């Protein structure tokens, strides 16, 4: 291979972002695609592979690299990844593919290998700590059993509080109107399903 390229991919529950780097580690291209998590996906799912392949193809094109360009290594941190694939394996033009949970890549990006803690609160949420001899993950259980502080959790908790207030006749029209307008529904009851 005459040129050396690497890529890092952040596969989330809302979207996926890939960054292509040159031999010096300088970012030269960026691309996005849809969600990558496999939570609740079937064995024939292409959700993860479509997201990783699409984001990397878009980053490669953004970098001005030909479609035939190969990568020395690709690291993909995927929301909810637990050490195994549930759907189709991604086919990426790389000599080495490393799939992992997205918490360690957030840690690496924020702390550059130093000991510390990161809190990820996006579509989902997780806390990840790493030191010299140990690492620990807390949370990241998904929207049904956790994700406190995530965007989904904040909205769910807010809507649940407003629904309880509506039951008690204590909800102001402003909150109800705002929620109904955002979700394009006629009432809070119509939002729940």
N, C-alpha and C. Protein backbone atom coordinates (compact mmCIF):
# COMPACT_ATOMS: atom_id res chain seq x y z
N UNK A 1 0.87 -1.16 0.00
CA UNK A 1 0.00 0.00 0.00
C UNK A 1 0.91 1.22 0.00
N UNK A 2 0.75 2.09 -0.98
CA UNK A 2 1.62 3.25 -1.11
C UNK A 2 1.29 4.33 -0.10
N UNK A 3 0.04 4.47 0.27
CA UNK A 3 -0.35 5.47 1.26
C UNK A 3 -0.98 4.79 2.45
N UNK A 4 -0.88 5.43 3.59
CA UNK A 4 -1.33 4.86 4.86
C UNK A 4 -2.51 5.69 5.37
N UNK A 5 -3.64 5.06 5.57
CA UNK A 5 -4.82 5.74 6.08
C UNK A 5 -5.42 4.93 7.22
N UNK A 6 -6.00 5.63 8.17
CA UNK A 6 -6.72 5.01 9.28
C UNK A 6 -8.07 5.69 9.40
N UNK A 7 -8.97 5.08 10.14
CA UNK A 7 -10.28 5.70 10.34
C UNK A 7 -10.81 5.35 11.72
N UNK A 8 -11.53 6.29 12.27
CA UNK A 8 -12.24 6.08 13.52
C UNK A 8 -13.71 6.33 13.28
N UNK A 9 -14.56 5.47 13.85
CA UNK A 9 -16.00 5.60 13.64
C UNK A 9 -16.71 5.60 14.99
N UNK A 10 -17.63 6.54 15.17
CA UNK A 10 -18.47 6.62 16.35
C UNK A 10 -19.88 6.24 15.93
N UNK A 11 -20.28 5.01 16.26
CA UNK A 11 -21.58 4.50 15.86
C UNK A 11 -22.59 4.66 16.99
N UNK A 12 -23.47 5.63 16.85
CA UNK A 12 -24.42 5.92 17.91
C UNK A 12 -25.82 5.44 17.62
N UNK A 13 -26.74 5.78 18.53
CA UNK A 13 -28.14 5.40 18.41
C UNK A 13 -28.92 6.35 17.52
N UNK A 14 -28.37 7.54 17.28
CA UNK A 14 -29.03 8.52 16.41
C UNK A 14 -28.34 8.65 15.07
N UNK A 15 -27.01 8.61 15.08
CA UNK A 15 -26.24 8.76 13.84
C UNK A 15 -24.86 8.15 14.02
N UNK A 16 -24.13 8.05 12.93
CA UNK A 16 -22.78 7.50 12.92
C UNK A 16 -21.87 8.49 12.23
N UNK A 17 -20.68 8.71 12.81
CA UNK A 17 -19.71 9.64 12.23
C UNK A 17 -18.38 8.92 12.05
N UNK A 18 -17.78 9.06 10.89
CA UNK A 18 -16.46 8.49 10.61
C UNK A 18 -15.49 9.62 10.28
N UNK A 19 -14.25 9.46 10.73
CA UNK A 19 -13.18 10.40 10.40
C UNK A 19 -12.02 9.60 9.83
N UNK A 20 -11.51 10.02 8.67
CA UNK A 20 -10.37 9.40 8.03
C UNK A 20 -9.14 10.23 8.38
N UNK A 21 -8.04 9.52 8.74
CA UNK A 21 -6.79 10.19 9.06
C UNK A 21 -5.66 9.71 8.17
N UNK A 22 -4.65 10.58 8.00
CA UNK A 22 -3.48 10.20 7.21
C UNK A 22 -2.44 9.53 8.10
N UNK A 23 -1.24 9.26 7.57
CA UNK A 23 -0.20 8.55 8.30
C UNK A 23 0.24 9.30 9.56
N UNK A 24 0.10 10.62 9.57
CA UNK A 24 0.48 11.42 10.74
C UNK A 24 -0.67 11.55 11.74
N UNK A 25 -1.81 10.95 11.43
CA UNK A 25 -2.96 11.04 12.32
C UNK A 25 -3.79 12.28 12.14
N UNK A 26 -3.51 13.07 11.12
CA UNK A 26 -4.28 14.29 10.86
C UNK A 26 -5.60 13.92 10.18
N UNK A 27 -6.72 14.47 10.67
CA UNK A 27 -8.01 14.22 10.01
C UNK A 27 -8.01 14.83 8.61
N UNK A 28 -8.43 14.04 7.63
CA UNK A 28 -8.49 14.54 6.26
C UNK A 28 -9.88 14.41 5.65
N UNK A 29 -10.79 13.74 6.31
CA UNK A 29 -12.14 13.59 5.79
C UNK A 29 -13.11 13.14 6.87
N UNK A 30 -14.35 13.54 6.70
CA UNK A 30 -15.39 13.22 7.69
C UNK A 30 -16.67 12.85 6.95
N UNK A 31 -17.40 11.86 7.48
CA UNK A 31 -18.66 11.46 6.87
C UNK A 31 -19.64 10.95 7.91
N UNK A 32 -20.90 11.00 7.57
CA UNK A 32 -21.93 10.56 8.50
C UNK A 32 -22.87 9.56 7.82
N UNK A 33 -23.61 8.85 8.66
CA UNK A 33 -24.64 7.91 8.19
C UNK A 33 -25.64 7.75 9.34
N UNK A 34 -26.55 6.83 9.18
CA UNK A 34 -27.61 6.61 10.16
C UNK A 34 -27.14 5.90 11.41
N UNK A 35 -28.10 5.53 12.29
CA UNK A 35 -27.76 4.88 13.56
C UNK A 35 -27.10 3.52 13.36
N UNK A 36 -26.22 3.15 14.31
CA UNK A 36 -25.45 1.91 14.19
C UNK A 36 -25.76 0.88 15.25
N UNK A 37 -26.40 1.25 16.34
CA UNK A 37 -26.59 0.29 17.43
C UNK A 37 -27.45 -0.88 16.96
N UNK A 38 -27.21 -2.04 17.57
CA UNK A 38 -27.95 -3.25 17.19
C UNK A 38 -28.96 -3.66 18.25
N UNK A 39 -29.27 -2.78 19.17
CA UNK A 39 -30.21 -3.11 20.24
C UNK A 39 -31.55 -3.53 19.64
N UNK A 40 -31.96 -4.77 19.94
CA UNK A 40 -33.23 -5.29 19.46
C UNK A 40 -33.25 -5.71 18.00
N UNK A 41 -32.10 -5.72 17.34
CA UNK A 41 -32.05 -6.08 15.92
C UNK A 41 -32.02 -7.59 15.73
N UNK A 42 -32.50 -8.04 14.58
CA UNK A 42 -32.56 -9.47 14.26
C UNK A 42 -31.25 -9.91 13.60
N UNK A 43 -31.02 -11.22 13.47
CA UNK A 43 -29.79 -11.73 12.86
C UNK A 43 -29.58 -11.30 11.41
N UNK A 44 -30.64 -10.94 10.70
CA UNK A 44 -30.47 -10.50 9.32
C UNK A 44 -30.39 -8.97 9.19
N UNK A 45 -30.25 -8.28 10.31
CA UNK A 45 -30.19 -6.82 10.31
C UNK A 45 -28.92 -6.32 9.62
N UNK A 46 -29.07 -5.26 8.85
CA UNK A 46 -27.92 -4.59 8.22
C UNK A 46 -27.71 -3.20 8.82
N UNK A 47 -28.37 -2.90 9.93
CA UNK A 47 -28.30 -1.57 10.54
C UNK A 47 -26.85 -1.16 10.84
N UNK A 48 -26.10 -2.01 11.55
CA UNK A 48 -24.72 -1.70 11.90
C UNK A 48 -23.84 -1.62 10.66
N UNK A 49 -23.90 -2.63 9.81
CA UNK A 49 -23.04 -2.64 8.62
C UNK A 49 -23.36 -1.46 7.70
N UNK A 50 -24.64 -1.14 7.51
CA UNK A 50 -25.00 0.01 6.67
C UNK A 50 -24.44 1.31 7.23
N UNK A 51 -24.54 1.47 8.54
CA UNK A 51 -24.07 2.72 9.17
C UNK A 51 -22.56 2.86 9.08
N UNK A 52 -21.82 1.80 9.44
CA UNK A 52 -20.36 1.88 9.40
C UNK A 52 -19.85 2.02 7.98
N UNK A 53 -20.38 1.21 7.07
CA UNK A 53 -19.94 1.27 5.68
C UNK A 53 -20.29 2.62 5.05
N UNK A 54 -21.49 3.12 5.34
CA UNK A 54 -21.92 4.40 4.77
C UNK A 54 -21.12 5.58 5.29
N UNK A 55 -20.90 5.63 6.60
CA UNK A 55 -20.13 6.74 7.19
C UNK A 55 -18.70 6.73 6.68
N UNK A 56 -18.09 5.54 6.59
CA UNK A 56 -16.72 5.45 6.11
C UNK A 56 -16.63 5.83 4.63
N UNK A 57 -17.58 5.38 3.81
CA UNK A 57 -17.58 5.75 2.39
C UNK A 57 -17.71 7.27 2.23
N UNK A 58 -18.57 7.88 3.04
CA UNK A 58 -18.74 9.33 2.96
C UNK A 58 -17.49 10.07 3.43
N UNK A 59 -16.82 9.57 4.46
CA UNK A 59 -15.58 10.18 4.94
C UNK A 59 -14.47 10.03 3.91
N UNK A 60 -14.40 8.86 3.30
CA UNK A 60 -13.39 8.62 2.25
C UNK A 60 -13.61 9.57 1.08
N UNK A 61 -14.85 9.74 0.66
CA UNK A 61 -15.15 10.66 -0.44
C UNK A 61 -14.84 12.10 -0.04
N UNK A 62 -15.17 12.48 1.20
CA UNK A 62 -14.88 13.83 1.69
C UNK A 62 -13.38 14.11 1.72
N UNK A 63 -12.57 13.06 1.95
CA UNK A 63 -11.12 13.20 1.95
C UNK A 63 -10.53 13.21 0.54
N UNK A 64 -11.38 12.95 -0.46
CA UNK A 64 -10.90 12.91 -1.84
C UNK A 64 -10.17 11.63 -2.19
N UNK A 65 -10.40 10.58 -1.41
CA UNK A 65 -9.76 9.30 -1.68
C UNK A 65 -10.61 8.48 -2.64
N UNK A 66 -9.98 7.67 -3.48
CA UNK A 66 -10.76 6.83 -4.39
C UNK A 66 -11.50 5.74 -3.62
N UNK A 67 -12.55 5.21 -4.22
CA UNK A 67 -13.32 4.14 -3.59
C UNK A 67 -12.47 2.91 -3.33
N UNK A 68 -11.35 2.77 -4.05
CA UNK A 68 -10.47 1.61 -3.89
C UNK A 68 -9.49 1.77 -2.73
N UNK A 69 -9.46 2.92 -2.09
CA UNK A 69 -8.52 3.16 -0.98
C UNK A 69 -8.76 2.17 0.14
N UNK A 70 -7.66 1.61 0.66
CA UNK A 70 -7.74 0.68 1.78
C UNK A 70 -7.16 1.33 3.02
N UNK A 71 -7.59 0.86 4.17
CA UNK A 71 -7.16 1.43 5.44
C UNK A 71 -6.29 0.42 6.18
N UNK A 72 -5.26 0.94 6.86
CA UNK A 72 -4.42 0.07 7.67
C UNK A 72 -5.20 -0.42 8.88
N UNK A 73 -6.05 0.46 9.42
CA UNK A 73 -6.85 0.07 10.58
C UNK A 73 -8.09 0.95 10.67
N UNK A 74 -9.18 0.35 11.15
CA UNK A 74 -10.42 1.07 11.43
C UNK A 74 -10.87 0.65 12.83
N UNK A 75 -11.12 1.64 13.69
CA UNK A 75 -11.67 1.39 15.02
C UNK A 75 -13.07 1.97 15.04
N UNK A 76 -14.04 1.15 15.42
CA UNK A 76 -15.43 1.58 15.48
C UNK A 76 -15.97 1.35 16.88
N UNK A 77 -16.34 2.44 17.54
CA UNK A 77 -17.01 2.37 18.83
C UNK A 77 -18.50 2.45 18.59
N UNK A 78 -19.23 1.44 19.04
CA UNK A 78 -20.65 1.34 18.73
C UNK A 78 -21.48 1.33 20.02
N UNK A 79 -22.47 2.16 20.07
CA UNK A 79 -23.37 2.24 21.22
C UNK A 79 -24.00 0.88 21.48
N UNK A 80 -23.88 0.41 22.72
CA UNK A 80 -24.50 -0.86 23.10
C UNK A 80 -23.73 -2.10 22.69
N UNK A 81 -22.58 -1.94 22.03
CA UNK A 81 -21.81 -3.12 21.59
C UNK A 81 -21.33 -3.90 22.81
N UNK A 82 -21.54 -5.19 22.79
CA UNK A 82 -21.19 -6.02 23.95
C UNK A 82 -20.30 -7.20 23.57
N UNK A 83 -19.50 -7.03 22.53
CA UNK A 83 -18.54 -8.05 22.16
C UNK A 83 -18.98 -9.03 21.10
N UNK A 84 -20.18 -8.83 20.57
CA UNK A 84 -20.62 -9.73 19.49
C UNK A 84 -21.55 -8.97 18.56
N UNK A 85 -21.64 -9.47 17.33
CA UNK A 85 -22.54 -8.90 16.34
C UNK A 85 -23.85 -9.66 16.35
N UNK A 86 -24.93 -8.94 16.17
CA UNK A 86 -26.25 -9.56 16.09
C UNK A 86 -26.73 -9.64 14.64
N UNK A 87 -26.25 -8.76 13.80
CA UNK A 87 -26.64 -8.72 12.40
C UNK A 87 -25.46 -8.96 11.49
N UNK A 88 -25.56 -8.44 10.28
CA UNK A 88 -24.54 -8.61 9.25
C UNK A 88 -23.23 -7.92 9.66
N UNK A 89 -22.13 -8.62 9.44
CA UNK A 89 -20.81 -8.05 9.74
C UNK A 89 -20.48 -6.97 8.71
N UNK A 90 -19.96 -5.83 9.18
CA UNK A 90 -19.59 -4.78 8.23
C UNK A 90 -18.42 -5.22 7.34
N UNK A 91 -18.48 -4.82 6.09
CA UNK A 91 -17.40 -5.12 5.15
C UNK A 91 -16.69 -3.81 4.84
N UNK A 92 -15.57 -3.60 5.52
CA UNK A 92 -14.81 -2.38 5.37
C UNK A 92 -13.45 -2.70 4.75
N UNK A 93 -12.96 -1.83 3.90
CA UNK A 93 -11.69 -2.04 3.22
C UNK A 93 -10.54 -1.73 4.19
N UNK A 94 -10.27 -2.67 5.08
CA UNK A 94 -9.24 -2.46 6.09
C UNK A 94 -8.48 -3.73 6.37
N UNK A 95 -7.21 -3.57 6.76
CA UNK A 95 -6.41 -4.72 7.17
C UNK A 95 -6.80 -5.16 8.58
N UNK A 96 -7.28 -4.20 9.39
CA UNK A 96 -7.63 -4.52 10.78
C UNK A 96 -8.86 -3.73 11.19
N UNK A 97 -9.88 -4.45 11.66
CA UNK A 97 -11.10 -3.81 12.16
C UNK A 97 -11.24 -4.13 13.64
N UNK A 98 -11.39 -3.09 14.46
CA UNK A 98 -11.61 -3.26 15.89
C UNK A 98 -12.97 -2.68 16.23
N UNK A 99 -13.91 -3.55 16.64
CA UNK A 99 -15.22 -3.10 17.11
C UNK A 99 -15.19 -3.08 18.63
N UNK A 100 -15.77 -2.04 19.22
CA UNK A 100 -15.82 -1.93 20.68
C UNK A 100 -17.00 -1.07 21.08
N UNK A 101 -17.28 -1.05 22.38
CA UNK A 101 -18.31 -0.16 22.92
C UNK A 101 -17.86 1.28 22.67
N UNK A 102 -18.78 2.21 22.57
CA UNK A 102 -18.41 3.59 22.28
C UNK A 102 -17.84 4.36 23.47
N UNK A 103 -17.98 3.85 24.69
CA UNK A 103 -17.46 4.56 25.85
C UNK A 103 -15.93 4.68 25.83
N UNK A 104 -15.17 3.62 25.54
CA UNK A 104 -13.71 3.78 25.49
C UNK A 104 -13.23 4.75 24.41
N UNK A 105 -13.93 4.85 23.30
CA UNK A 105 -13.47 5.82 22.28
C UNK A 105 -13.77 7.25 22.72
N UNK A 106 -14.87 7.44 23.46
CA UNK A 106 -15.15 8.77 24.01
C UNK A 106 -14.07 9.14 25.02
N UNK A 107 -13.66 8.17 25.84
CA UNK A 107 -12.60 8.38 26.82
C UNK A 107 -11.30 8.75 26.11
N UNK A 108 -10.94 7.98 25.11
CA UNK A 108 -9.69 8.24 24.37
C UNK A 108 -9.71 9.62 23.71
N UNK A 109 -10.86 9.97 23.13
CA UNK A 109 -10.96 11.27 22.47
C UNK A 109 -10.89 12.44 23.45
N UNK A 110 -11.45 12.25 24.62
CA UNK A 110 -11.49 13.34 25.60
C UNK A 110 -10.20 13.44 26.41
N UNK A 111 -9.59 12.29 26.73
CA UNK A 111 -8.48 12.30 27.68
C UNK A 111 -7.15 11.83 27.09
N UNK A 112 -7.13 11.48 25.82
CA UNK A 112 -5.89 11.11 25.12
C UNK A 112 -5.06 10.07 25.87
N UNK A 113 -5.72 9.06 26.43
CA UNK A 113 -5.02 7.98 27.10
C UNK A 113 -4.71 8.20 28.56
N UNK A 114 -5.02 9.36 29.09
CA UNK A 114 -4.78 9.62 30.51
C UNK A 114 -5.92 9.04 31.33
N UNK A 115 -5.66 8.79 32.61
CA UNK A 115 -6.69 8.27 33.51
C UNK A 115 -7.77 9.32 33.70
N UNK A 116 -9.00 8.87 33.84
CA UNK A 116 -10.10 9.79 34.09
C UNK A 116 -11.44 9.17 33.82
N UNK A 117 -12.46 10.01 33.87
CA UNK A 117 -13.84 9.57 33.73
C UNK A 117 -14.51 10.39 32.64
N UNK A 118 -15.32 9.73 31.80
CA UNK A 118 -16.16 10.45 30.84
C UNK A 118 -17.61 10.06 31.10
N UNK A 119 -18.48 11.03 30.88
CA UNK A 119 -19.91 10.80 30.97
C UNK A 119 -20.48 11.12 29.60
N UNK A 120 -21.09 10.13 28.97
CA UNK A 120 -21.68 10.31 27.65
C UNK A 120 -23.18 10.40 27.83
N UNK A 121 -23.75 11.51 27.43
CA UNK A 121 -25.20 11.69 27.54
C UNK A 121 -25.71 12.25 26.22
N UNK A 122 -26.06 11.35 25.32
CA UNK A 122 -26.62 11.73 24.03
C UNK A 122 -27.98 11.08 23.92
N UNK A 123 -28.19 10.30 22.85
CA UNK A 123 -29.43 9.53 22.74
C UNK A 123 -29.51 8.57 23.92
N UNK A 124 -28.38 7.99 24.28
CA UNK A 124 -28.27 7.14 25.45
C UNK A 124 -27.29 7.76 26.43
N UNK A 125 -26.98 7.06 27.53
CA UNK A 125 -26.00 7.58 28.48
C UNK A 125 -25.20 6.43 29.07
N UNK A 126 -23.93 6.74 29.41
CA UNK A 126 -23.04 5.78 30.05
C UNK A 126 -21.92 6.56 30.71
N UNK A 127 -21.38 6.01 31.79
CA UNK A 127 -20.21 6.57 32.46
C UNK A 127 -19.09 5.55 32.32
N UNK A 128 -17.91 6.02 31.93
CA UNK A 128 -16.77 5.12 31.73
C UNK A 128 -15.55 5.73 32.39
N UNK A 129 -14.86 4.93 33.22
CA UNK A 129 -13.65 5.37 33.90
C UNK A 129 -12.53 4.41 33.57
N UNK A 130 -11.35 4.96 33.35
CA UNK A 130 -10.19 4.14 33.07
C UNK A 130 -8.98 4.74 33.76
N UNK A 131 -8.19 3.88 34.39
CA UNK A 131 -6.95 4.28 35.05
C UNK A 131 -5.83 3.39 34.60
N UNK A 132 -4.78 3.36 35.36
CA UNK A 132 -3.61 2.57 34.99
C UNK A 132 -3.90 1.08 34.93
N UNK A 133 -4.67 0.59 35.88
CA UNK A 133 -4.82 -0.86 36.00
C UNK A 133 -6.26 -1.35 35.90
N UNK A 134 -7.20 -0.45 35.78
CA UNK A 134 -8.59 -0.90 35.78
C UNK A 134 -9.46 0.03 34.94
N UNK A 135 -10.58 -0.51 34.52
CA UNK A 135 -11.59 0.29 33.83
C UNK A 135 -12.95 -0.14 34.36
N UNK A 136 -13.90 0.76 34.25
CA UNK A 136 -15.23 0.45 34.76
C UNK A 136 -16.28 1.20 33.94
N UNK A 137 -17.37 0.51 33.65
CA UNK A 137 -18.49 1.11 32.93
C UNK A 137 -19.70 1.06 33.84
N UNK A 138 -20.46 2.15 33.83
CA UNK A 138 -21.70 2.21 34.60
C UNK A 138 -22.78 2.78 33.70
N UNK A 139 -23.93 2.17 33.72
CA UNK A 139 -25.03 2.62 32.86
C UNK A 139 -24.92 2.01 31.48
N UNK A 140 -25.52 2.68 30.52
CA UNK A 140 -25.51 2.16 29.16
C UNK A 140 -26.45 0.98 28.97
N UNK A 141 -27.47 0.89 29.80
CA UNK A 141 -28.39 -0.24 29.75
C UNK A 141 -29.49 -0.06 28.72
N UNK A 142 -29.55 1.06 28.06
CA UNK A 142 -30.58 1.29 27.06
C UNK A 142 -31.78 2.01 27.63
N UNK A 143 -32.63 2.48 26.74
CA UNK A 143 -33.73 3.36 27.12
C UNK A 143 -34.73 2.71 28.07
N UNK A 144 -34.90 1.40 28.01
CA UNK A 144 -35.92 0.76 28.82
C UNK A 144 -35.52 0.63 30.29
N UNK A 145 -34.24 0.36 30.56
CA UNK A 145 -33.80 0.08 31.92
C UNK A 145 -32.83 1.11 32.50
N UNK A 146 -32.60 2.19 31.82
CA UNK A 146 -31.65 3.15 32.36
C UNK A 146 -31.51 4.37 31.48
N UNK A 147 -30.27 4.69 31.20
CA UNK A 147 -29.91 5.87 30.39
C UNK A 147 -30.28 7.18 31.05
N UNK A 148 -30.22 7.23 32.39
CA UNK A 148 -30.51 8.46 33.10
C UNK A 148 -29.63 9.59 32.57
N UNK A 149 -30.23 10.71 32.29
CA UNK A 149 -29.51 11.86 31.77
C UNK A 149 -29.40 11.92 30.27
N UNK A 150 -29.82 10.86 29.57
CA UNK A 150 -29.77 10.89 28.10
C UNK A 150 -30.90 11.76 27.57
N UNK A 151 -30.79 12.14 26.31
CA UNK A 151 -31.83 12.95 25.68
C UNK A 151 -33.18 12.24 25.73
N UNK A 152 -33.19 10.95 25.40
CA UNK A 152 -34.44 10.19 25.43
C UNK A 152 -35.02 10.19 26.84
N UNK A 153 -34.19 9.93 27.85
CA UNK A 153 -34.64 9.87 29.24
C UNK A 153 -35.22 11.21 29.69
N UNK A 154 -34.55 12.31 29.36
CA UNK A 154 -35.03 13.65 29.75
C UNK A 154 -36.41 13.90 29.17
N UNK A 155 -36.60 13.61 27.88
CA UNK A 155 -37.90 13.83 27.23
C UNK A 155 -38.96 12.91 27.81
N UNK A 156 -38.61 11.63 27.98
CA UNK A 156 -39.58 10.67 28.55
C UNK A 156 -40.03 11.11 29.94
N UNK A 157 -39.07 11.49 30.79
CA UNK A 157 -39.40 11.91 32.15
C UNK A 157 -40.25 13.19 32.15
N UNK A 158 -39.92 14.12 31.25
CA UNK A 158 -40.69 15.36 31.16
C UNK A 158 -42.12 15.08 30.72
N UNK A 159 -42.28 14.28 29.67
CA UNK A 159 -43.62 13.95 29.20
C UNK A 159 -44.41 13.19 30.26
N UNK A 160 -43.74 12.27 30.98
CA UNK A 160 -44.43 11.51 32.04
C UNK A 160 -44.91 12.46 33.14
N UNK A 161 -44.08 13.44 33.51
CA UNK A 161 -44.49 14.41 34.54
C UNK A 161 -45.66 15.25 34.04
N UNK A 162 -45.62 15.66 32.79
CA UNK A 162 -46.72 16.45 32.23
C UNK A 162 -48.01 15.62 32.16
N UNK A 163 -47.88 14.35 31.84
CA UNK A 163 -49.06 13.48 31.77
C UNK A 163 -49.68 13.30 33.15
N UNK A 164 -48.83 13.14 34.18
CA UNK A 164 -49.35 13.05 35.54
C UNK A 164 -50.03 14.36 35.94
N UNK A 165 -49.41 15.49 35.57
CA UNK A 165 -50.00 16.80 35.88
C UNK A 165 -51.33 16.96 35.16
N UNK A 166 -51.45 16.47 33.93
CA UNK A 166 -52.70 16.55 33.19
C UNK A 166 -53.79 15.73 33.89
N UNK A 167 -53.41 14.55 34.41
CA UNK A 167 -54.36 13.72 35.16
C UNK A 167 -54.90 14.46 36.38
N UNK A 168 -54.03 15.27 36.99
CA UNK A 168 -54.41 16.02 38.20
C UNK A 168 -55.04 17.37 37.88
N UNK A 169 -55.16 17.68 36.58
CA UNK A 169 -55.71 18.97 36.17
C UNK A 169 -54.78 20.14 36.45
N UNK A 170 -53.48 19.86 36.57
CA UNK A 170 -52.51 20.91 36.94
C UNK A 170 -51.55 21.27 35.81
N UNK A 171 -51.79 20.77 34.60
CA UNK A 171 -50.88 21.06 33.50
C UNK A 171 -51.30 22.32 32.79
N UNK A 172 -50.35 23.22 32.59
CA UNK A 172 -50.64 24.44 31.85
C UNK A 172 -50.76 24.16 30.36
N UNK A 173 -51.52 24.97 29.67
CA UNK A 173 -51.74 24.77 28.23
C UNK A 173 -50.44 24.91 27.45
N UNK A 174 -49.52 25.74 27.93
CA UNK A 174 -48.27 25.95 27.20
C UNK A 174 -47.46 24.68 27.02
N UNK A 175 -47.31 23.91 28.09
CA UNK A 175 -46.55 22.66 28.02
C UNK A 175 -47.24 21.66 27.09
N UNK A 176 -48.53 21.49 27.28
CA UNK A 176 -49.27 20.54 26.45
C UNK A 176 -49.22 20.95 24.98
N UNK A 177 -49.44 22.23 24.71
CA UNK A 177 -49.41 22.72 23.33
C UNK A 177 -48.04 22.52 22.70
N UNK A 178 -46.98 22.78 23.46
CA UNK A 178 -45.62 22.63 22.92
C UNK A 178 -45.33 21.18 22.58
N UNK A 179 -45.69 20.27 23.49
CA UNK A 179 -45.46 18.85 23.24
C UNK A 179 -46.26 18.36 22.04
N UNK A 180 -47.52 18.74 21.98
CA UNK A 180 -48.38 18.31 20.86
C UNK A 180 -47.87 18.86 19.53
N UNK A 181 -47.41 20.08 19.53
CA UNK A 181 -46.88 20.68 18.29
C UNK A 181 -45.61 19.95 17.85
N UNK A 182 -44.71 19.68 18.80
CA UNK A 182 -43.45 19.02 18.46
C UNK A 182 -43.69 17.63 17.89
N UNK A 183 -44.55 16.85 18.54
CA UNK A 183 -44.80 15.48 18.11
C UNK A 183 -45.90 15.37 17.06
N UNK A 184 -46.47 16.52 16.69
CA UNK A 184 -47.53 16.57 15.68
C UNK A 184 -48.69 15.65 16.04
N UNK A 185 -49.16 15.80 17.29
CA UNK A 185 -50.29 15.04 17.79
C UNK A 185 -51.30 16.00 18.38
N UNK A 186 -52.53 15.55 18.51
CA UNK A 186 -53.60 16.42 18.96
C UNK A 186 -53.69 16.51 20.49
N UNK A 187 -53.09 15.56 21.21
CA UNK A 187 -53.19 15.57 22.67
C UNK A 187 -52.02 14.78 23.26
N UNK A 188 -51.82 14.93 24.57
CA UNK A 188 -50.79 14.12 25.24
C UNK A 188 -51.11 12.64 25.14
N UNK A 189 -52.41 12.30 25.22
CA UNK A 189 -52.80 10.89 25.09
C UNK A 189 -52.41 10.32 23.72
N UNK A 190 -52.45 11.16 22.71
CA UNK A 190 -52.07 10.71 21.36
C UNK A 190 -50.56 10.56 21.22
N UNK A 191 -49.79 11.23 22.09
CA UNK A 191 -48.33 11.10 22.05
C UNK A 191 -47.89 9.76 22.62
N UNK A 192 -48.54 9.30 23.67
CA UNK A 192 -48.12 8.10 24.40
C UNK A 192 -47.91 6.87 23.50
N UNK A 193 -48.79 6.55 22.59
CA UNK A 193 -48.55 5.35 21.76
C UNK A 193 -47.35 5.52 20.85
